[in-house]
Each structure stands twice: as C-alpha cells, then as structure tokens.
C-alpha cells in the first residue's frame, strides 16, 4: 500500500506495443510528455490510485540471478542514469512485445513513468511505473461546424482504472527491489507477471496468508462442496476466517484440529495442499505469521451464499462460523424427491 499525497510525475512517455503473433509493430515516441495542468491533475491519481489498496508486494525473479532479470536491469538503469529514460523505456516496450506469444495478447499504449515522492511503509522514495492500456472506451465529442453543433464518437482511455500496471520502487530489502502490480484484465496472468515482469511474491506474512487463504478457498470449492455440499463448504470458510481472526500465527496442525471434525477431511486437506503446491509451484509453510490486512481484504471477497435451483438463496454470515451447523439442517424429502434446508430462528427482522 502506498500513499500518493506527496507524489509527482517527473518523466512520462507513451509508446505503442504491437503483437508479434499478429505481426503488428511497435511505435515509439522520441520525447517525454509535457502536461498541461488539467491533464496532469487527472493522470497522476489515475495511475497511482490502484496501488493505494495493494497489500502484497513482489520481488524480481530469475532462474540463475535476478541481476539478469530484464525489467530489473532496465529499472536500475533509469534510476541511476538521468539521460537514459527515453531509450530504456523503448527497451521495456520491446521486451513486452517479445512476450506476445499468442493472438490473445492485446496491443495497446504503454506508459513509462518516473514518479517522485512515493510513500511506502513510512519511507519516501521514487518509483518507475509501467502501465499497459489495452482497452479504449467510446465517448462523444461535440464540435462546431457551419454555425451548428454536431457529434461524433471517438475512442479514448478511461480515467477509471488502468488495465495493467506495476510500480518498481527505488527501495530494496533482503530479497531485492520492492514491486507492486495490478492487473484488471487478467485474461493471461502468465503474460504480465511471469513472462514480462518475471516476479514472485515476497517471502512475508502477506504472501503466506494470501496463499493459505487461496488454498482454503480452492479446497472448499473443489473438495468440500463437491463431496459434502454448500453448507459444509461455507461452514469451513467461516471457520477459516474465524481462525485467522483469533490467532496471530497459523500452525497447520492446530488449524486442522480446530476447523475439521473428521479425520477424513484432514487427510483430504493434506492431499489437496500437496496438489495445490505443485500446481502453483509454491511451498506453504507449516507455520507463519498472519497478515490482518490480507485477511480483512480476502474476507470481503468470500461468498457464502447457497444458491438453489428453486430460485431461493440462503446467505450465511461469514462472521458466525457455528451458525451453519447449529441452525441449518440439510435433508431429503422422499415424497417430493427433493433436497431441503431447515432453518431455525427466534425472530425475523
């Protein structure tokens, strides 16, 4: 999470990136943008707003040495060589172009930006922003012709959100430079994070908490819902969030003992965890500190609705993990040949 209250844009350039798969070419600018006041006042928050809510950070990755990571090398050059910005920004676009290995990859505008005054964890630093604008929106433009106004449709960049963007801070820790990333058009997650930036999650509480919650969500939908039904799935998710709220540290054995009543479910969870780690090329620690920020953010995303084919929905409270088992019963009616839920309550509101 960053603060942009003292941030400013010191250099800004726009290039066009093509797609080698479709044989569309890059187009490069030779000069940085000289903003007027109105454009600048719109552009600065447009670019930085998405990172105000980003909790997790990344670090550069490379199979042999992160010094050889292309974006790491380019960003280092921009930070250290004042006159390198324009030429290096072209190299960044060329590197992005080389990752377009399918017709799915969209062409678009690439904005390379040097920011000053970015605040991150009480440290003020400069940062390089790389943004790809993939989608243009239609808007009406009115104009005067022959003493009458007319209208035409034009395409432009929406000021509501960026499609893809990253901030590379001129700040390092033991793992290297700190990177934040957003992707609102994640049709190909590998393209932006793995192929272009080649980054990995930082080895911290945010990352460990995020990965474990993702594991639990996938386990609930792929195993529990399939084998036990939506009630069991939602009860597990509620217990998971409750465990994270009540503890400062996750110990996996203790977690399983608190959220599972059957040994069979513990075994299923262990097996699924191994598959999850293999598929995502990660190793989930058996014990780690909990990030409250990540828990609060992920809690808002968890849906605990039971949607029935009779146009009825039952919404369970994520903050009441025992309610699903105490006040909700699932059964089967032999006469109607249908499943049913029985709900207990004292009063309606």
Protein backbone atom coordinates (compact mmCIF):
# COMPACT_ATOMS: atom_id res chain seq x y z
CA UNK A 1 0.00 0.00 0.00
CA UNK A 2 1.33 3.40 -0.94
CA UNK A 3 0.43 6.99 -0.23
CA UNK A 4 0.38 9.42 -3.14
CA UNK A 5 -0.28 12.64 -1.21
CA UNK A 6 3.25 13.97 -1.93
CA UNK A 7 3.78 12.11 -5.21
CA UNK A 8 4.58 13.77 -8.52
CA UNK A 9 5.40 12.77 -12.10
CA UNK A 10 8.90 13.81 -13.17
CA UNK A 11 9.07 11.95 -16.52
CA UNK A 12 6.34 10.41 -18.67
CA UNK A 13 6.43 8.85 -22.12
CA UNK A 14 3.92 6.97 -24.28
CA UNK A 15 4.75 4.17 -26.74
CA UNK A 16 2.60 1.70 -28.66
CA UNK A 17 3.18 -2.03 -28.29
CA UNK A 18 2.22 -4.48 -31.03
CA UNK A 19 1.85 -8.24 -31.13
CA UNK A 20 4.46 -10.31 -32.94
CA UNK A 21 1.97 -13.18 -33.25
CA UNK A 22 -0.32 -10.93 -35.32
CA UNK A 23 2.59 -9.11 -36.99
CA UNK A 24 1.60 -5.71 -35.57
CA UNK A 25 4.57 -3.45 -34.87
CA UNK A 26 5.68 -1.22 -32.03
CA UNK A 27 5.63 2.56 -32.38
CA UNK A 28 7.94 4.71 -30.27
CA UNK A 29 7.88 8.30 -29.03
CA UNK A 30 11.05 10.37 -29.08
CA UNK A 31 10.06 12.94 -26.47
CA UNK A 32 8.58 12.89 -22.99
CA UNK A 33 5.08 14.30 -22.47
CA UNK A 34 4.75 17.94 -21.41
CA UNK A 35 1.47 18.00 -19.47
CA UNK A 36 -0.93 20.86 -19.19
CA UNK A 37 -2.33 21.36 -15.69
CA UNK A 38 -5.70 19.69 -16.35
CA UNK A 39 -4.17 16.55 -17.91
CA UNK A 40 -1.60 16.24 -15.14
CA UNK A 41 -4.22 16.56 -12.40
CA UNK A 42 -6.17 13.68 -13.97
CA UNK A 43 -3.21 11.49 -14.86
CA UNK A 44 -1.43 11.35 -11.50
CA UNK A 45 -4.32 9.87 -9.45
CA UNK A 46 -5.40 7.68 -12.40
CA UNK A 47 -2.02 5.93 -12.38
CA UNK A 48 -1.40 5.69 -8.63
CA UNK A 49 -4.90 5.14 -7.22
CA UNK A 50 -4.90 1.34 -7.81
CA UNK A 51 -1.80 0.86 -5.66
CA UNK A 52 -3.33 2.50 -2.59
CA UNK A 53 -5.19 -0.75 -1.81
CA UNK A 54 -2.50 -3.23 -2.90
CA UNK A 55 -1.37 -5.22 0.14
CA UNK A 56 1.02 -7.78 -1.32
CA UNK A 57 4.35 -6.96 -2.87
CA UNK A 58 6.58 -8.83 -5.31
CA UNK A 59 10.29 -9.29 -5.92
CA UNK A 60 12.16 -9.90 -9.16
CA UNK A 61 12.77 -13.49 -10.13
CA UNK A 62 15.26 -15.22 -12.44
CA UNK A 63 16.33 -18.83 -12.83
CA UNK A 64 20.00 -18.00 -12.23
CA UNK A 65 20.48 -14.43 -10.98
CA UNK A 66 17.95 -11.59 -10.56
CA UNK A 67 20.56 -9.17 -11.91
CA UNK A 68 19.79 -10.78 -15.27
CA UNK A 69 16.06 -10.04 -14.99
CA UNK A 70 15.36 -7.62 -17.87
CA UNK A 71 12.98 -5.26 -16.06
CA UNK A 72 15.25 -5.23 -13.01
CA UNK A 73 18.16 -4.18 -15.23
CA UNK A 74 16.12 -1.54 -17.09
CA UNK A 75 14.67 -0.01 -13.93
CA UNK A 76 18.11 0.14 -12.33
CA UNK A 77 19.42 1.97 -15.40
CA UNK A 78 16.61 4.55 -15.25
CA UNK A 79 17.19 5.15 -11.54
CA UNK A 80 20.95 5.58 -11.96
CA UNK A 81 21.30 7.29 -15.35
CA UNK A 82 19.40 10.57 -15.69
CA UNK A 83 19.57 10.69 -19.50
CA UNK A 84 18.63 7.03 -20.10
CA UNK A 85 14.87 7.32 -19.60
CA UNK A 86 13.67 7.58 -23.21
CA UNK A 87 15.89 4.88 -24.70
CA UNK A 88 15.38 2.45 -21.83
CA UNK A 89 11.61 2.96 -22.00
CA UNK A 90 11.80 1.73 -25.60
CA UNK A 91 13.69 -1.37 -24.46
CA UNK A 92 10.92 -2.03 -21.92
CA UNK A 93 8.28 -1.93 -24.68
CA UNK A 94 10.39 -4.20 -26.90
CA UNK A 95 10.69 -6.68 -24.05
CA UNK A 96 6.91 -6.55 -23.56
CA UNK A 97 6.44 -7.12 -27.30
CA UNK A 98 8.60 -10.25 -27.14
CA UNK A 99 6.17 -11.78 -24.63
CA UNK A 100 3.21 -11.61 -27.05
CA UNK A 101 3.24 -15.27 -27.97
CA UNK A 102 -0.47 -15.68 -28.76
CA UNK A 103 -3.26 -13.83 -30.55
CA UNK A 104 -4.91 -13.27 -27.15
CA UNK A 105 -2.30 -10.70 -26.17
CA UNK A 106 -3.70 -7.27 -26.87
CA UNK A 107 -1.89 -4.36 -28.46
CA UNK A 108 -2.11 -1.01 -26.71
CA UNK A 109 -0.48 2.08 -25.26
CA UNK A 110 2.44 1.63 -22.88
CA UNK A 111 3.10 4.42 -20.39
CA UNK A 112 6.50 4.51 -18.72
CA UNK A 113 6.60 6.95 -15.82
CA UNK A 114 9.14 8.15 -13.28
CA UNK A 115 7.46 9.17 -10.03
CA UNK A 116 8.89 11.14 -7.12
CA UNK A 117 7.64 11.27 -3.53
CA UNK A 118 6.02 7.82 -3.31
CA UNK A 119 5.43 6.87 0.34
CA UNK A 120 5.65 3.17 1.19
CA UNK A 121 5.73 1.91 4.78
CA UNK A 122 6.79 5.36 6.07
CA UNK A 123 9.64 5.57 3.55
CA UNK A 124 9.59 8.19 0.78
CA UNK A 125 11.19 7.13 -2.48
CA UNK A 126 10.96 7.45 -6.24
CA UNK A 127 9.50 4.73 -8.43
CA UNK A 128 9.14 3.60 -12.01
CA UNK A 129 5.65 2.87 -13.27
CA UNK A 130 4.93 0.73 -16.31
CA UNK A 131 1.33 0.72 -17.49
CA UNK A 132 -0.34 -1.01 -20.41
CA UNK A 133 -3.64 0.38 -21.69
CA UNK A 134 -5.40 -2.45 -23.53
CA UNK A 135 -8.99 -1.25 -23.79
CA UNK A 136 -10.28 2.04 -25.11
CA UNK A 137 -13.78 3.33 -24.36
CA UNK A 138 -16.18 5.19 -26.64
CA UNK A 139 -17.04 8.79 -25.85
CA UNK A 140 -18.97 11.53 -27.63
CA UNK A 141 -17.15 14.57 -28.94
CA UNK A 142 -19.19 17.64 -29.93
CA UNK A 143 -17.86 20.16 -32.43
CA UNK A 144 -18.98 23.31 -34.21
CA UNK A 145 -19.35 23.30 -37.99
CA UNK A 146 -21.22 25.80 -40.19
CA UNK A 147 -22.70 27.54 -37.15
CA UNK A 148 -24.22 24.27 -35.85
CA UNK A 149 -23.02 21.72 -33.35
CA UNK A 150 -22.57 18.11 -34.37
CA UNK A 151 -21.40 14.99 -32.58
CA UNK A 152 -19.04 12.14 -33.36
CA UNK A 153 -17.84 9.08 -31.49
CA UNK A 154 -14.17 8.76 -30.57
CA UNK A 155 -12.19 6.21 -28.60
CA UNK A 156 -10.01 7.08 -25.65
CA UNK A 157 -8.51 5.91 -22.37
CA UNK A 158 -10.95 5.57 -19.50
CA UNK A 159 -9.84 7.52 -16.42
CA UNK A 160 -11.50 5.00 -14.08
CA UNK A 161 -8.87 2.25 -13.95
CA UNK A 162 -5.65 1.04 -15.54
CA UNK A 163 -5.66 -2.31 -17.31
CA UNK A 164 -2.19 -3.45 -16.26
CA UNK A 165 0.40 -1.65 -14.20
CA UNK A 166 3.35 -2.04 -11.90
CA UNK A 167 5.36 0.17 -9.58
CA UNK A 168 9.05 -0.62 -9.13
CA UNK A 169 10.20 1.22 -6.02
CA UNK A 170 13.73 2.53 -5.70
CA UNK A 171 13.79 0.70 -2.40
CA UNK A 172 15.11 -2.78 -1.60
CA UNK A 173 15.04 -5.28 1.22
CA UNK A 174 16.88 -8.56 1.65
CA UNK A 175 15.00 -10.01 -1.35
CA UNK A 176 15.67 -7.12 -3.71
CA UNK A 177 13.64 -4.21 -5.17
CA UNK A 178 10.03 -3.90 -3.99
CA UNK A 179 7.38 -4.21 -6.72
CA UNK A 180 3.62 -3.67 -6.67
CA UNK A 181 1.41 -4.88 -9.51
CA UNK A 182 -2.21 -4.65 -10.64
CA UNK A 183 -3.95 -6.47 -13.49
CA UNK A 184 -7.62 -5.74 -14.18
CA UNK A 185 -7.63 -7.70 -17.46
CA UNK A 186 -6.20 -10.99 -16.26
CA UNK A 187 -7.05 -12.98 -19.38
CA UNK A 188 -3.46 -14.25 -19.34
CA UNK A 189 -1.90 -13.92 -15.89
CA UNK A 190 1.33 -15.55 -17.04
CA UNK A 191 1.92 -12.84 -19.65
CA UNK A 192 2.24 -9.84 -17.31
CA UNK A 193 3.57 -11.28 -14.03
CA UNK A 194 5.69 -14.22 -15.12
CA UNK A 195 6.81 -13.52 -18.67
CA UNK A 196 7.13 -9.73 -18.80
CA UNK A 197 7.98 -8.74 -15.22
CA UNK A 198 9.19 -12.19 -14.07
CA UNK A 199 8.31 -11.54 -10.43
CA UNK A 200 7.31 -13.64 -7.44
CA UNK A 201 5.53 -12.90 -4.19
CA UNK A 202 7.69 -11.55 -1.39
CA UNK A 203 8.53 -14.03 1.35
CA UNK A 204 6.46 -12.30 4.04
CA UNK A 205 3.31 -12.63 6.15
CA UNK A 206 1.17 -11.04 3.42
CA UNK A 207 2.21 -13.66 0.89
CA UNK A 208 1.92 -16.61 3.28
CA UNK A 209 -1.55 -15.53 4.43
CA UNK A 210 -2.74 -14.94 0.86
CA UNK A 211 -1.52 -18.33 -0.36
CA UNK A 212 -3.11 -20.17 2.56
CA UNK A 213 -6.48 -18.45 2.09
CA UNK A 214 -6.35 -19.28 -1.64
CA UNK A 215 -5.62 -22.90 -0.71
CA UNK A 216 -8.62 -22.97 1.63
CA UNK A 217 -10.95 -21.35 -0.92
CA UNK A 218 -9.95 -23.83 -3.63
CA UNK A 219 -10.27 -26.77 -1.22
CA UNK A 220 -13.74 -25.61 -0.18
CA UNK A 221 -15.00 -25.35 -3.76
CA UNK A 222 -13.26 -28.35 -5.34
CA UNK A 223 -13.46 -30.87 -2.48
CA UNK A 224 -15.94 -29.89 0.23
CA UNK A 225 -18.70 -28.52 -2.00
CA UNK A 226 -18.43 -31.49 -4.35
CA UNK A 227 -18.36 -34.16 -1.63
CA UNK A 228 -20.30 -32.58 1.25
CA UNK A 229 -22.38 -29.73 -0.20
CA UNK A 230 -22.52 -25.94 0.04
CA UNK A 231 -23.39 -25.91 3.73
CA UNK A 232 -20.15 -27.72 4.65
CA UNK A 233 -18.19 -25.54 2.23
CA UNK A 234 -19.45 -22.30 3.74
CA UNK A 235 -19.05 -23.54 7.31
CA UNK A 236 -15.40 -24.34 6.57
CA UNK A 237 -14.76 -20.89 5.07
CA UNK A 238 -16.37 -19.21 8.09
CA UNK A 239 -14.24 -21.31 10.47
CA UNK A 240 -11.14 -20.48 8.44
CA UNK A 241 -11.72 -16.73 8.68
CA UNK A 242 -12.57 -17.09 12.38
CA UNK A 243 -9.29 -18.95 12.96
CA UNK A 244 -7.32 -16.20 11.22
CA UNK A 245 -9.05 -13.53 13.32
CA UNK A 246 -8.42 -15.36 16.59
CA UNK A 247 -4.75 -16.22 16.04
CA UNK A 248 -1.58 -14.29 15.28
CA UNK A 249 0.22 -17.33 13.89
CA UNK A 250 -1.05 -20.17 11.70
CA UNK A 251 0.14 -23.60 12.72
CA UNK A 252 -1.28 -26.02 10.17
CA UNK A 253 -1.79 -28.97 12.53
CA UNK A 254 -3.58 -26.74 15.01
CA UNK A 255 -5.63 -25.22 12.18
CA UNK A 256 -6.83 -28.64 11.01
CA UNK A 257 -7.77 -29.69 14.52
CA UNK A 258 -9.89 -26.56 15.00
CA UNK A 259 -11.73 -26.42 11.67
CA UNK A 260 -12.21 -30.10 10.82
CA UNK A 261 -14.32 -32.55 12.81
CA UNK A 262 -13.49 -35.62 10.73
CA UNK A 263 -10.04 -37.16 10.26
CA UNK A 264 -11.05 -37.95 6.69
CA UNK A 265 -11.35 -34.23 5.93
CA UNK A 266 -7.90 -33.60 7.40
CA UNK A 267 -6.48 -36.25 5.09
CA UNK A 268 -8.28 -34.75 2.10
CA UNK A 269 -6.89 -31.33 3.03
CA UNK A 270 -3.32 -32.65 3.25
CA UNK A 271 -3.60 -34.31 -0.15
CA UNK A 272 -5.13 -31.21 -1.73
CA UNK A 273 -2.41 -29.00 -0.21
CA UNK A 274 0.30 -31.06 -1.94
CA UNK A 275 -1.50 -30.78 -5.27
CA UNK A 276 -2.02 -27.04 -4.77
CA UNK A 277 1.66 -26.50 -4.03
CA UNK A 278 2.69 -28.48 -7.10
CA UNK A 279 0.28 -26.74 -9.46
CA UNK A 280 1.26 -23.27 -8.24
CA UNK A 281 4.97 -24.01 -7.77
CA UNK A 282 4.94 -22.81 -4.16
CA UNK A 283 5.68 -24.26 -0.74
CA UNK A 284 3.23 -23.35 2.02
CA UNK A 285 4.89 -23.14 5.40
CA UNK A 286 3.62 -25.22 8.29
CA UNK A 287 3.77 -22.13 10.50
CA UNK A 288 3.68 -18.43 9.64
CA UNK A 289 2.56 -15.04 10.93
CA UNK A 290 -0.89 -13.85 9.90
CA UNK A 291 -1.39 -10.62 7.97
CA UNK A 292 -4.53 -8.91 9.27
CA UNK A 293 -4.63 -6.65 6.20
CA UNK A 294 -4.82 -9.64 3.85
CA UNK A 295 -7.43 -11.42 5.99
CA UNK A 296 -9.71 -8.36 6.01
CA UNK A 297 -9.34 -7.88 2.27
CA UNK A 298 -9.94 -11.54 1.38
CA UNK A 299 -12.85 -11.82 3.80
CA UNK A 300 -14.77 -9.29 1.70
CA UNK A 301 -14.33 -11.45 -1.40
CA UNK A 302 -15.64 -14.68 0.11
CA UNK A 303 -19.19 -15.52 -0.90
CA UNK A 304 -21.20 -17.70 1.47
CA UNK A 305 -24.46 -17.87 -0.46
CA UNK A 306 -26.19 -21.19 -1.05
CA UNK A 307 -27.95 -20.85 -4.41
CA UNK A 308 -30.75 -23.32 -5.02
CA UNK A 309 -32.38 -24.30 -8.32
CA UNK A 310 -35.77 -23.27 -6.91
CA UNK A 311 -34.82 -19.56 -7.10
CA UNK A 312 -34.09 -19.37 -3.38
CA UNK A 313 -30.79 -18.25 -1.85
CA UNK A 314 -29.56 -18.73 1.71
CA UNK A 315 -26.89 -16.27 2.83
CA UNK A 316 -24.67 -17.30 5.71
CA UNK A 317 -22.77 -14.84 7.92
CA UNK A 318 -19.00 -15.28 7.45
CA UNK A 319 -18.50 -13.95 11.00
CA UNK A 320 -20.70 -16.66 12.56
CA UNK A 321 -18.92 -19.95 11.86
CA UNK A 322 -21.14 -22.06 14.13
CA UNK A 323 -24.45 -20.84 12.72
CA UNK A 324 -24.42 -23.11 9.67
CA UNK A 325 -24.13 -26.26 11.80
CA UNK A 326 -26.35 -25.14 14.70
CA UNK A 327 -29.27 -23.51 12.89
CA UNK A 328 -29.26 -25.02 9.42
CA UNK A 329 -30.15 -28.62 8.61
CA UNK A 330 -29.99 -30.32 5.23
CA UNK A 331 -32.20 -33.29 4.39
CA UNK A 332 -34.08 -35.19 1.69
CA UNK A 333 -37.86 -35.40 1.26
CA UNK A 334 -38.83 -38.85 -0.06
CA UNK A 335 -42.33 -37.72 -1.01
CA UNK A 336 -41.21 -34.73 -3.10
CA UNK A 337 -37.97 -36.41 -4.17
CA UNK A 338 -36.12 -33.20 -3.37
CA UNK A 339 -33.41 -31.98 -1.01
CA UNK A 340 -34.35 -29.36 1.58
CA UNK A 341 -32.83 -27.00 4.15
CA UNK A 342 -34.45 -26.41 7.54
CA UNK A 343 -33.59 -23.06 9.17
CA UNK A 344 -34.09 -22.36 12.90
CA UNK A 345 -34.57 -18.80 14.24
CA UNK A 346 -36.17 -16.85 17.08
CA UNK A 347 -37.33 -13.70 15.29
CA UNK A 348 -37.45 -12.12 11.86
CA UNK A 349 -36.09 -8.68 11.08
